[in-house]
């Protein structure tokens, strides 16, 4: 069983936006992965980018610089 820890979650309005963000993160070597949106959150497309909370600053900077379409970023216990 995976140990629970705080995660930083970015949600998207569309599947296309989620996949574009995944591609951008892979290209820039930003950690994380696409996951189904946790039940505590809601999202238009049902996909979210998940990173350890310690990596949140890297993702925030990427969002600020690249301006992808996203709904919100949240801290969740997952």
PDB file of N, CA and C in Angstrom:
ATOM      1  N   UNK A   1       0.836  -1.181   0.000  1.00  0.00           N
ATOM      2  CA  UNK A   1       0.000   0.000   0.000  1.00  0.00           C
ATOM      3  C   UNK A   1       0.880   1.243   0.000  1.00  0.00           C
ATOM      4  N   UNK A   2       0.522   2.218  -0.792  1.00  0.00           N
ATOM      5  CA  UNK A   2       1.266   3.457  -0.898  1.00  0.00           C
ATOM      6  C   UNK A   2       1.081   4.327   0.344  1.00  0.00           C
ATOM      7  N   UNK A   3       2.167   4.907   0.823  1.00  0.00           N
ATOM      8  CA  UNK A   3       2.100   5.791   1.979  1.00  0.00           C
ATOM      9  C   UNK A   3       1.402   7.094   1.589  1.00  0.00           C
ATOM     10  N   UNK A   4       0.471   7.558   2.421  1.00  0.00           N
ATOM     11  CA  UNK A   4      -0.249   8.794   2.121  1.00  0.00           C
ATOM     12  C   UNK A   4       0.640   9.995   2.412  1.00  0.00           C
ATOM     13  N   UNK A   5       0.540  11.000   1.537  1.00  0.00           N
ATOM     14  CA  UNK A   5       1.295  12.230   1.723  1.00  0.00           C
ATOM     15  C   UNK A   5       0.562  13.348   0.996  1.00  0.00           C
ATOM     16  N   UNK A   6       0.941  14.594   1.286  1.00  0.00           N
ATOM     17  CA  UNK A   6       0.327  15.733   0.623  1.00  0.00           C
ATOM     18  C   UNK A   6       0.776  15.770  -0.833  1.00  0.00           C
ATOM     19  N   UNK A   7      -0.186  16.030  -1.716  1.00  0.00           N
ATOM     20  CA  UNK A   7       0.086  16.146  -3.152  1.00  0.00           C
ATOM     21  C   UNK A   7      -0.431  17.497  -3.637  1.00  0.00           C
ATOM     22  N   UNK A   8       0.141  17.968  -4.702  1.00  0.00           N
ATOM     23  CA  UNK A   8      -0.296  19.198  -5.343  1.00  0.00           C
ATOM     24  C   UNK A   8      -0.995  18.786  -6.632  1.00  0.00           C
ATOM     25  N   UNK A   9      -2.228  19.209  -6.805  1.00  0.00           N
ATOM     26  CA  UNK A   9      -3.070  18.764  -7.909  1.00  0.00           C
ATOM     27  C   UNK A   9      -3.453  19.961  -8.776  1.00  0.00           C
ATOM     28  N   UNK A  10      -3.279  19.814 -10.089  1.00  0.00           N
ATOM     29  CA  UNK A  10      -3.722  20.821 -11.049  1.00  0.00           C
ATOM     30  C   UNK A  10      -4.823  20.181 -11.887  1.00  0.00           C
ATOM     31  N   UNK A  11      -5.995  20.819 -11.957  1.00  0.00           N
ATOM     32  CA  UNK A  11      -7.097  20.280 -12.744  1.00  0.00           C
ATOM     33  C   UNK A  11      -7.250  21.064 -14.042  1.00  0.00           C
ATOM     34  N   UNK A  12      -7.947  20.475 -14.991  1.00  0.00           N
ATOM     35  CA  UNK A  12      -8.079  21.041 -16.332  1.00  0.00           C
ATOM     36  C   UNK A  12      -9.529  21.017 -16.781  1.00  0.00           C
ATOM     37  N   UNK A  13      -9.891  21.944 -17.655  1.00  0.00           N
ATOM     38  CA  UNK A  13     -11.249  21.996 -18.187  1.00  0.00           C
ATOM     39  C   UNK A  13     -11.452  20.970 -19.291  1.00  0.00           C
ATOM     40  N   UNK A  14     -10.387  20.628 -20.012  1.00  0.00           N
ATOM     41  CA  UNK A  14     -10.520  19.695 -21.129  1.00  0.00           C
ATOM     42  C   UNK A  14      -9.416  18.644 -21.076  1.00  0.00           C
ATOM     43  N   UNK A  15      -9.697  17.504 -21.687  1.00  0.00           N
ATOM     44  CA  UNK A  15      -8.696  16.446 -21.786  1.00  0.00           C
ATOM     45  C   UNK A  15      -7.512  16.915 -22.621  1.00  0.00           C
ATOM     46  N   UNK A  16      -7.786  17.702 -23.648  1.00  0.00           N
ATOM     47  CA  UNK A  16      -6.723  18.238 -24.503  1.00  0.00           C
ATOM     48  C   UNK A  16      -5.755  19.096 -23.691  1.00  0.00           C
ATOM     49  N   UNK A  17      -6.279  19.937 -22.803  1.00  0.00           N
ATOM     50  CA  UNK A  17      -5.425  20.779 -21.958  1.00  0.00           C
ATOM     51  C   UNK A  17      -4.590  19.920 -21.017  1.00  0.00           C
ATOM     52  N   UNK A  18      -5.180  18.866 -20.466  1.00  0.00           N
ATOM     53  CA  UNK A  18      -4.449  17.969 -19.569  1.00  0.00           C
ATOM     54  C   UNK A  18      -3.312  17.284 -20.311  1.00  0.00           C
ATOM     55  N   UNK A  19      -3.589  16.816 -21.509  1.00  0.00           N
ATOM     56  CA  UNK A  19      -2.559  16.125 -22.287  1.00  0.00           C
ATOM     57  C   UNK A  19      -1.470  17.093 -22.746  1.00  0.00           C
ATOM     58  N   UNK A  20      -1.841  18.322 -23.078  1.00  0.00           N
ATOM     59  CA  UNK A  20      -0.850  19.329 -23.465  1.00  0.00           C
ATOM     60  C   UNK A  20       0.048  19.669 -22.275  1.00  0.00           C
ATOM     61  N   UNK A  21      -0.535  19.754 -21.082  1.00  0.00           N
ATOM     62  CA  UNK A  21       0.248  20.047 -19.882  1.00  0.00           C
ATOM     63  C   UNK A  21       1.190  18.894 -19.567  1.00  0.00           C
ATOM     64  N   UNK A  22       0.709  17.661 -19.737  1.00  0.00           N
ATOM     65  CA  UNK A  22       1.568  16.491 -19.525  1.00  0.00           C
ATOM     66  C   UNK A  22       2.759  16.533 -20.485  1.00  0.00           C
ATOM     67  N   UNK A  23       2.497  16.838 -21.742  1.00  0.00           N
ATOM     68  CA  UNK A  23       3.561  16.920 -22.741  1.00  0.00           C
ATOM     69  C   UNK A  23       4.569  18.009 -22.382  1.00  0.00           C
ATOM     70  N   UNK A  24       4.068  19.157 -21.950  1.00  0.00           N
ATOM     71  CA  UNK A  24       4.936  20.269 -21.554  1.00  0.00           C
ATOM     72  C   UNK A  24       5.798  19.870 -20.357  1.00  0.00           C
ATOM     73  N   UNK A  25       5.201  19.209 -19.367  1.00  0.00           N
ATOM     74  CA  UNK A  25       5.956  18.788 -18.179  1.00  0.00           C
ATOM     75  C   UNK A  25       7.024  17.760 -18.539  1.00  0.00           C
ATOM     76  N   UNK A  26       6.699  16.837 -19.427  1.00  0.00           N
ATOM     77  CA  UNK A  26       7.704  15.857 -19.850  1.00  0.00           C
ATOM     78  C   UNK A  26       8.847  16.538 -20.592  1.00  0.00           C
ATOM     79  N   UNK A  27       8.499  17.497 -21.447  1.00  0.00           N
ATOM     80  CA  UNK A  27       9.513  18.232 -22.213  1.00  0.00           C
ATOM     81  C   UNK A  27      10.434  19.031 -21.292  1.00  0.00           C
ATOM     82  N   UNK A  28       9.865  19.652 -20.252  1.00  0.00           N
ATOM     83  CA  UNK A  28      10.642  20.493 -19.326  1.00  0.00           C
ATOM     84  C   UNK A  28      11.187  19.691 -18.140  1.00  0.00           C
ATOM     85  N   UNK A  29      10.948  18.376 -18.139  1.00  0.00           N
ATOM     86  CA  UNK A  29      11.399  17.490 -17.066  1.00  0.00           C
ATOM     87  C   UNK A  29      10.851  17.888 -15.700  1.00  0.00           C
ATOM     88  N   UNK A  30       9.579  18.281 -15.694  1.00  0.00           N
ATOM     89  CA  UNK A  30       8.877  18.620 -14.459  1.00  0.00           C
ATOM     90  C   UNK A  30       8.283  17.321 -13.911  1.00  0.00           C
ATOM     91  N   UNK A  31       8.488  17.038 -12.628  1.00  0.00           N
ATOM     92  CA  UNK A  31       7.974  15.786 -12.080  1.00  0.00           C
ATOM     93  C   UNK A  31       6.453  15.763 -12.037  1.00  0.00           C
ATOM     94  N   UNK A  32       5.900  14.564 -11.962  1.00  0.00           N
ATOM     95  CA  UNK A  32       4.461  14.403 -11.804  1.00  0.00           C
ATOM     96  C   UNK A  32       3.886  13.437 -12.806  1.00  0.00           C
ATOM     97  N   UNK A  33       2.549  13.282 -12.739  1.00  0.00           N
ATOM     98  CA  UNK A  33       1.860  12.383 -13.656  1.00  0.00           C
ATOM     99  C   UNK A  33       0.383  12.740 -13.695  1.00  0.00           C
ATOM    100  N   UNK A  34      -0.281  12.330 -14.790  1.00  0.00           N
ATOM    101  CA  UNK A  34      -1.726  12.499 -14.886  1.00  0.00           C
ATOM    102  C   UNK A  34      -2.410  11.426 -14.057  1.00  0.00           C
ATOM    103  N   UNK A  35      -3.450  11.841 -13.330  1.00  0.00           N
ATOM    104  CA  UNK A  35      -4.236  10.921 -12.515  1.00  0.00           C
ATOM    105  C   UNK A  35      -5.713  11.275 -12.693  1.00  0.00           C
ATOM    106  N   UNK A  36      -6.612  10.371 -12.318  1.00  0.00           N
ATOM    107  CA  UNK A  36      -8.026  10.756 -12.246  1.00  0.00           C
ATOM    108  C   UNK A  36      -8.187  11.803 -11.141  1.00  0.00           C
ATOM    109  N   UNK A  37      -9.078  12.759 -11.340  1.00  0.00           N
ATOM    110  CA  UNK A  37      -9.284  13.797 -10.330  1.00  0.00           C
ATOM    111  C   UNK A  37      -9.762  13.137  -9.032  1.00  0.00           C
ATOM    112  N   UNK A  38      -9.113  13.459  -7.899  1.00  0.00           N
ATOM    113  CA  UNK A  38      -9.561  12.905  -6.616  1.00  0.00           C
ATOM    114  C   UNK A  38     -11.009  13.312  -6.319  1.00  0.00           C
ATOM    115  N   UNK A  39     -11.717  12.458  -5.609  1.00  0.00           N
ATOM    116  CA  UNK A  39     -13.130  12.713  -5.335  1.00  0.00           C
ATOM    117  C   UNK A  39     -13.363  13.998  -4.539  1.00  0.00           C
ATOM    118  N   UNK A  40     -12.328  14.510  -3.849  1.00  0.00           N
ATOM    119  CA  UNK A  40     -12.474  15.742  -3.066  1.00  0.00           C
ATOM    120  C   UNK A  40     -12.547  16.981  -3.961  1.00  0.00           C
ATOM    121  N   UNK A  41     -12.159  16.834  -5.214  1.00  0.00           N
ATOM    122  CA  UNK A  41     -12.133  17.945  -6.161  1.00  0.00           C
ATOM    123  C   UNK A  41     -13.101  17.668  -7.304  1.00  0.00           C
ATOM    124  N   UNK A  42     -13.356  18.687  -8.109  1.00  0.00           N
ATOM    125  CA  UNK A  42     -14.137  18.465  -9.324  1.00  0.00           C
ATOM    126  C   UNK A  42     -13.401  19.126 -10.477  1.00  0.00           C
ATOM    127  N   UNK A  43     -13.613  18.605 -11.667  1.00  0.00           N
ATOM    128  CA  UNK A  43     -12.919  19.121 -12.845  1.00  0.00           C
ATOM    129  C   UNK A  43     -13.748  18.822 -14.075  1.00  0.00           C
ATOM    130  N   UNK A  44     -13.575  19.660 -15.086  1.00  0.00           N
ATOM    131  CA  UNK A  44     -14.321  19.489 -16.312  1.00  0.00           C
ATOM    132  C   UNK A  44     -14.001  18.201 -17.046  1.00  0.00           C
ATOM    133  N   UNK A  45     -12.731  17.781 -17.039  1.00  0.00           N
ATOM    134  CA  UNK A  45     -12.361  16.625 -17.865  1.00  0.00           C
ATOM    135  C   UNK A  45     -12.095  15.360 -17.060  1.00  0.00           C
ATOM    136  N   UNK A  46     -11.940  15.463 -15.755  1.00  0.00           N
ATOM    137  CA  UNK A  46     -11.698  14.272 -14.946  1.00  0.00           C
ATOM    138  C   UNK A  46     -10.241  13.890 -14.801  1.00  0.00           C
ATOM    139  N   UNK A  47      -9.320  14.656 -15.417  1.00  0.00           N
ATOM    140  CA  UNK A  47      -7.884  14.393 -15.288  1.00  0.00           C
ATOM    141  C   UNK A  47      -7.215  15.507 -14.502  1.00  0.00           C
ATOM    142  N   UNK A  48      -6.143  15.161 -13.805  1.00  0.00           N
ATOM    143  CA  UNK A  48      -5.392  16.137 -13.023  1.00  0.00           C
ATOM    144  C   UNK A  48      -3.910  15.790 -13.088  1.00  0.00           C
ATOM    145  N   UNK A  49      -3.061  16.800 -12.930  1.00  0.00           N
ATOM    146  CA  UNK A  49      -1.616  16.594 -12.830  1.00  0.00           C
ATOM    147  C   UNK A  49      -1.286  16.547 -11.353  1.00  0.00           C
ATOM    148  N   UNK A  50      -0.554  15.543 -10.939  1.00  0.00           N
ATOM    149  CA  UNK A  50      -0.254  15.316  -9.531  1.00  0.00           C
ATOM    150  C   UNK A  50       1.249  15.319  -9.309  1.00  0.00           C
ATOM    151  N   UNK A  51       1.708  16.092  -8.335  1.00  0.00           N
ATOM    152  CA  UNK A  51       3.124  16.105  -7.948  1.00  0.00           C
ATOM    153  C   UNK A  51       3.209  16.090  -6.428  1.00  0.00           C
ATOM    154  N   UNK A  52       4.328  15.612  -5.880  1.00  0.00           N
ATOM    155  CA  UNK A  52       4.527  15.758  -4.435  1.00  0.00           C
ATOM    156  C   UNK A  52       4.456  17.246  -4.068  1.00  0.00           C
ATOM    157  N   UNK A  53       3.900  17.534  -2.905  1.00  0.00           N
ATOM    158  CA  UNK A  53       3.696  18.931  -2.527  1.00  0.00           C
ATOM    159  C   UNK A  53       5.001  19.721  -2.505  1.00  0.00           C
ATOM    160  N   UNK A  54       6.111  19.045  -2.250  1.00  0.00           N
ATOM    161  CA  UNK A  54       7.409  19.722  -2.215  1.00  0.00           C
ATOM    162  C   UNK A  54       7.796  20.278  -3.589  1.00  0.00           C
ATOM    163  N   UNK A  55       7.185  19.774  -4.656  1.00  0.00           N
ATOM    164  CA  UNK A  55       7.486  20.199  -6.027  1.00  0.00           C
ATOM    165  C   UNK A  55       6.495  21.252  -6.543  1.00  0.00           C
ATOM    166  N   UNK A  56       5.599  21.727  -5.693  1.00  0.00           N
ATOM    167  CA  UNK A  56       4.544  22.644  -6.118  1.00  0.00           C
ATOM    168  C   UNK A  56       5.094  23.920  -6.743  1.00  0.00           C
ATOM    169  N   UNK A  57       6.198  24.440  -6.230  1.00  0.00           N
ATOM    170  CA  UNK A  57       6.764  25.686  -6.767  1.00  0.00           C
ATOM    171  C   UNK A  57       7.168  25.536  -8.230  1.00  0.00           C
ATOM    172  N   UNK A  58       7.691  24.372  -8.603  1.00  0.00           N
ATOM    173  CA  UNK A  58       8.097  24.133  -9.991  1.00  0.00           C
ATOM    174  C   UNK A  58       6.874  24.185 -10.905  1.00  0.00           C
ATOM    175  N   UNK A  59       5.794  23.544 -10.482  1.00  0.00           N
ATOM    176  CA  UNK A  59       4.568  23.525 -11.281  1.00  0.00           C
ATOM    177  C   UNK A  59       3.951  24.924 -11.349  1.00  0.00           C
ATOM    178  N   UNK A  60       3.920  25.633 -10.228  1.00  0.00           N
ATOM    179  CA  UNK A  60       3.391  27.008 -10.225  1.00  0.00           C
ATOM    180  C   UNK A  60       4.155  27.894 -11.199  1.00  0.00           C
ATOM    181  N   UNK A  61       5.456  27.776 -11.208  1.00  0.00           N
ATOM    182  CA  UNK A  61       6.289  28.579 -12.109  1.00  0.00           C
ATOM    183  C   UNK A  61       5.996  28.229 -13.569  1.00  0.00           C
ATOM    184  N   UNK A  62       5.835  26.960 -13.855  1.00  0.00           N
ATOM    185  CA  UNK A  62       5.509  26.529 -15.209  1.00  0.00           C
ATOM    186  C   UNK A  62       4.158  27.091 -15.644  1.00  0.00           C
ATOM    187  N   UNK A  63       3.175  27.015 -14.777  1.00  0.00           N
ATOM    188  CA  UNK A  63       1.846  27.560 -15.093  1.00  0.00           C
ATOM    189  C   UNK A  63       1.936  29.058 -15.341  1.00  0.00           C
ATOM    190  N   UNK A  64       2.673  29.755 -14.503  1.00  0.00           N
ATOM    191  CA  UNK A  64       2.809  31.201 -14.643  1.00  0.00           C
ATOM    192  C   UNK A  64       3.502  31.574 -15.953  1.00  0.00           C
ATOM    193  N   UNK A  65       4.530  30.843 -16.324  1.00  0.00           N
ATOM    194  CA  UNK A  65       5.306  31.174 -17.524  1.00  0.00           C
ATOM    195  C   UNK A  65       4.661  30.704 -18.814  1.00  0.00           C
ATOM    196  N   UNK A  66       4.041  29.545 -18.795  1.00  0.00           N
ATOM    197  CA  UNK A  66       3.496  28.949 -20.015  1.00  0.00           C
ATOM    198  C   UNK A  66       2.019  29.262 -20.220  1.00  0.00           C
ATOM    199  N   UNK A  67       1.339  29.650 -19.171  1.00  0.00           N
ATOM    200  CA  UNK A  67      -0.076  29.990 -19.194  1.00  0.00           C
ATOM    201  C   UNK A  67      -0.974  28.924 -19.834  1.00  0.00           C
ATOM    202  N   UNK A  68      -0.847  27.656 -19.417  1.00  0.00           N
ATOM    203  CA  UNK A  68      -1.786  26.655 -19.929  1.00  0.00           C
ATOM    204  C   UNK A  68      -3.167  26.878 -19.324  1.00  0.00           C
ATOM    205  N   UNK A  69      -4.173  26.304 -19.915  1.00  0.00           N
ATOM    206  CA  UNK A  69      -5.520  26.399 -19.359  1.00  0.00           C
ATOM    207  C   UNK A  69      -5.634  25.411 -18.211  1.00  0.00           C
ATOM    208  N   UNK A  70      -5.985  25.894 -17.054  1.00  0.00           N
ATOM    209  CA  UNK A  70      -6.173  25.030 -15.897  1.00  0.00           C
ATOM    210  C   UNK A  70      -7.268  25.620 -15.037  1.00  0.00           C
ATOM    211  N   UNK A  71      -7.898  24.783 -14.253  1.00  0.00           N
ATOM    212  CA  UNK A  71      -8.967  25.240 -13.366  1.00  0.00           C
ATOM    213  C   UNK A  71      -8.408  25.798 -12.067  1.00  0.00           C
ATOM    214  N   UNK A  72      -7.644  24.984 -11.400  1.00  0.00           N
ATOM    215  CA  UNK A  72      -7.110  25.382 -10.097  1.00  0.00           C
ATOM    216  C   UNK A  72      -6.037  24.403  -9.676  1.00  0.00           C
ATOM    217  N   UNK A  73      -5.257  24.818  -8.728  1.00  0.00           N
ATOM    218  CA  UNK A  73      -4.275  23.926  -8.122  1.00  0.00           C
ATOM    219  C   UNK A  73      -4.664  23.787  -6.651  1.00  0.00           C
ATOM    220  N   UNK A  74      -4.586  22.592  -6.131  1.00  0.00           N
ATOM    221  CA  UNK A  74      -5.032  22.331  -4.776  1.00  0.00           C
ATOM    222  C   UNK A  74      -4.082  21.387  -4.061  1.00  0.00           C
ATOM    223  N   UNK A  75      -4.053  21.537  -2.755  1.00  0.00           N
ATOM    224  CA  UNK A  75      -3.293  20.615  -1.917  1.00  0.00           C
ATOM    225  C   UNK A  75      -4.275  19.575  -1.407  1.00  0.00           C
ATOM    226  N   UNK A  76      -4.017  18.309  -1.667  1.00  0.00           N
ATOM    227  CA  UNK A  76      -4.909  17.249  -1.173  1.00  0.00           C
ATOM    228  C   UNK A  76      -4.088  16.125  -0.560  1.00  0.00           C
ATOM    229  N   UNK A  77      -4.706  15.419   0.343  1.00  0.00           N
ATOM    230  CA  UNK A  77      -4.117  14.227   0.967  1.00  0.00           C
ATOM    231  C   UNK A  77      -4.485  13.058   0.085  1.00  0.00           C
ATOM    232  N   UNK A  78      -3.488  12.438  -0.525  1.00  0.00           N
ATOM    233  CA  UNK A  78      -3.795  11.383  -1.492  1.00  0.00           C
ATOM    234  C   UNK A  78      -2.821  10.235  -1.355  1.00  0.00           C
TER     235      UNK A  78
END
